[in-house]
């Protein structure tokens, strides 16, 4: 049921909001399965955009939280120049 709810929310948001001609950085946190599939699915759902970066963190609250925060800040700084 939880998975169905997440898919419904994603589809509803992307279908109800026109997202085109944007520069998009994809950010994800996960429990260990990686984020590649998520990144690819989002790119397929909103193809008319420029994807300028991707970063993911595995269980950031359980692992090295401070290091992950530092990495996220550096990543954003690189994206915005």
C-alpha atoms as a PDB file:
ATOM      1  CA  UNK A   1       0.000   0.000   0.000  1.00  0.00           C
ATOM      2  CA  UNK A   2       2.784   2.460   0.876  1.00  0.00           C
ATOM      3  CA  UNK A   3       4.455   1.866  -2.511  1.00  0.00           C
ATOM      4  CA  UNK A   4       1.166   2.469  -4.330  1.00  0.00           C
ATOM      5  CA  UNK A   5       0.696   5.738  -2.421  1.00  0.00           C
ATOM      6  CA  UNK A   6       4.196   6.946  -3.338  1.00  0.00           C
ATOM      7  CA  UNK A   7       3.681   6.135  -7.023  1.00  0.00           C
ATOM      8  CA  UNK A   8       0.298   7.885  -6.996  1.00  0.00           C
ATOM      9  CA  UNK A   9       1.803  11.005  -5.431  1.00  0.00           C
ATOM     10  CA  UNK A  10       4.665  11.084  -7.920  1.00  0.00           C
ATOM     11  CA  UNK A  11       2.424  10.620 -10.914  1.00  0.00           C
ATOM     12  CA  UNK A  12      -0.105  13.163  -9.644  1.00  0.00           C
ATOM     13  CA  UNK A  13       2.499  15.833  -8.939  1.00  0.00           C
ATOM     14  CA  UNK A  14       4.318  15.403 -12.239  1.00  0.00           C
ATOM     15  CA  UNK A  15       1.116  15.249 -14.265  1.00  0.00           C
ATOM     16  CA  UNK A  16      -0.460  18.268 -12.542  1.00  0.00           C
ATOM     17  CA  UNK A  17       2.594  20.520 -12.761  1.00  0.00           C
ATOM     18  CA  UNK A  18       4.305  21.538 -15.966  1.00  0.00           C
ATOM     19  CA  UNK A  19       8.022  21.127 -15.405  1.00  0.00           C
ATOM     20  CA  UNK A  20       9.929  22.074 -18.535  1.00  0.00           C
ATOM     21  CA  UNK A  21      13.036  24.003 -19.498  1.00  0.00           C
ATOM     22  CA  UNK A  22      14.420  23.893 -15.968  1.00  0.00           C
ATOM     23  CA  UNK A  23      17.867  23.114 -14.624  1.00  0.00           C
ATOM     24  CA  UNK A  24      17.351  20.278 -12.182  1.00  0.00           C
ATOM     25  CA  UNK A  25      19.669  18.694  -9.652  1.00  0.00           C
ATOM     26  CA  UNK A  26      18.443  15.348  -8.366  1.00  0.00           C
ATOM     27  CA  UNK A  27      19.015  14.544  -4.685  1.00  0.00           C
ATOM     28  CA  UNK A  28      18.005  11.299  -2.985  1.00  0.00           C
ATOM     29  CA  UNK A  29      18.379   9.494   0.317  1.00  0.00           C
ATOM     30  CA  UNK A  30      17.866   5.746   0.482  1.00  0.00           C
ATOM     31  CA  UNK A  31      18.296   2.677   2.617  1.00  0.00           C
ATOM     32  CA  UNK A  32      20.895   0.968   0.473  1.00  0.00           C
ATOM     33  CA  UNK A  33      19.292   0.123  -2.847  1.00  0.00           C
ATOM     34  CA  UNK A  34      20.835   3.080  -4.618  1.00  0.00           C
ATOM     35  CA  UNK A  35      19.126   5.913  -6.431  1.00  0.00           C
ATOM     36  CA  UNK A  36      19.909   5.157 -10.081  1.00  0.00           C
ATOM     37  CA  UNK A  37      16.449   3.767 -10.827  1.00  0.00           C
ATOM     38  CA  UNK A  38      14.797   6.794  -9.177  1.00  0.00           C
ATOM     39  CA  UNK A  39      16.976   9.226 -11.141  1.00  0.00           C
ATOM     40  CA  UNK A  40      16.224   7.443 -14.423  1.00  0.00           C
ATOM     41  CA  UNK A  41      12.473   7.367 -13.720  1.00  0.00           C
ATOM     42  CA  UNK A  42      12.331  11.077 -12.943  1.00  0.00           C
ATOM     43  CA  UNK A  43      14.279  11.889 -16.102  1.00  0.00           C
ATOM     44  CA  UNK A  44      11.769   9.858 -18.138  1.00  0.00           C
ATOM     45  CA  UNK A  45       8.802  11.578 -16.474  1.00  0.00           C
ATOM     46  CA  UNK A  46      10.062  15.131 -17.105  1.00  0.00           C
ATOM     47  CA  UNK A  47      12.331  14.848 -20.153  1.00  0.00           C
ATOM     48  CA  UNK A  48      12.252  18.447 -21.373  1.00  0.00           C
ATOM     49  CA  UNK A  49      14.683  19.668 -18.740  1.00  0.00           C
ATOM     50  CA  UNK A  50      18.410  19.938 -18.224  1.00  0.00           C
ATOM     51  CA  UNK A  51      19.612  17.619 -15.460  1.00  0.00           C
ATOM     52  CA  UNK A  52      22.686  19.292 -14.035  1.00  0.00           C
ATOM     53  CA  UNK A  53      23.656  16.848 -11.315  1.00  0.00           C
ATOM     54  CA  UNK A  54      22.816  13.888  -9.142  1.00  0.00           C
ATOM     55  CA  UNK A  55      23.767  12.974  -5.610  1.00  0.00           C
ATOM     56  CA  UNK A  56      22.502  10.336  -3.227  1.00  0.00           C
ATOM     57  CA  UNK A  57      23.131   9.355   0.346  1.00  0.00           C
ATOM     58  CA  UNK A  58      22.632   6.006   1.999  1.00  0.00           C
ATOM     59  CA  UNK A  59      20.874   6.306   5.367  1.00  0.00           C
ATOM     60  CA  UNK A  60      22.314   9.747   6.136  1.00  0.00           C
ATOM     61  CA  UNK A  61      20.821   9.895   9.635  1.00  0.00           C
ATOM     62  CA  UNK A  62      22.342   6.543  10.590  1.00  0.00           C
ATOM     63  CA  UNK A  63      25.717   7.017   8.947  1.00  0.00           C
ATOM     64  CA  UNK A  64      28.058  10.003   8.960  1.00  0.00           C
ATOM     65  CA  UNK A  65      25.458  12.766   9.069  1.00  0.00           C
ATOM     66  CA  UNK A  66      27.927  15.637   9.315  1.00  0.00           C
ATOM     67  CA  UNK A  67      29.953  14.366   6.361  1.00  0.00           C
ATOM     68  CA  UNK A  68      26.818  13.933   4.255  1.00  0.00           C
ATOM     69  CA  UNK A  69      25.712  17.490   5.084  1.00  0.00           C
ATOM     70  CA  UNK A  70      29.147  18.751   4.025  1.00  0.00           C
ATOM     71  CA  UNK A  71      28.957  16.788   0.764  1.00  0.00           C
ATOM     72  CA  UNK A  72      25.439  18.086   0.032  1.00  0.00           C
ATOM     73  CA  UNK A  73      26.514  21.699   0.607  1.00  0.00           C
ATOM     74  CA  UNK A  74      29.542  21.295  -1.650  1.00  0.00           C
ATOM     75  CA  UNK A  75      27.388  19.666  -4.333  1.00  0.00           C
ATOM     76  CA  UNK A  76      24.913  22.563  -4.291  1.00  0.00           C
ATOM     77  CA  UNK A  77      27.736  25.093  -4.462  1.00  0.00           C
ATOM     78  CA  UNK A  78      29.147  23.294  -7.522  1.00  0.00           C
ATOM     79  CA  UNK A  79      25.718  23.319  -9.201  1.00  0.00           C
ATOM     80  CA  UNK A  80      25.055  26.996  -8.716  1.00  0.00           C
ATOM     81  CA  UNK A  81      28.615  28.017  -9.499  1.00  0.00           C
END
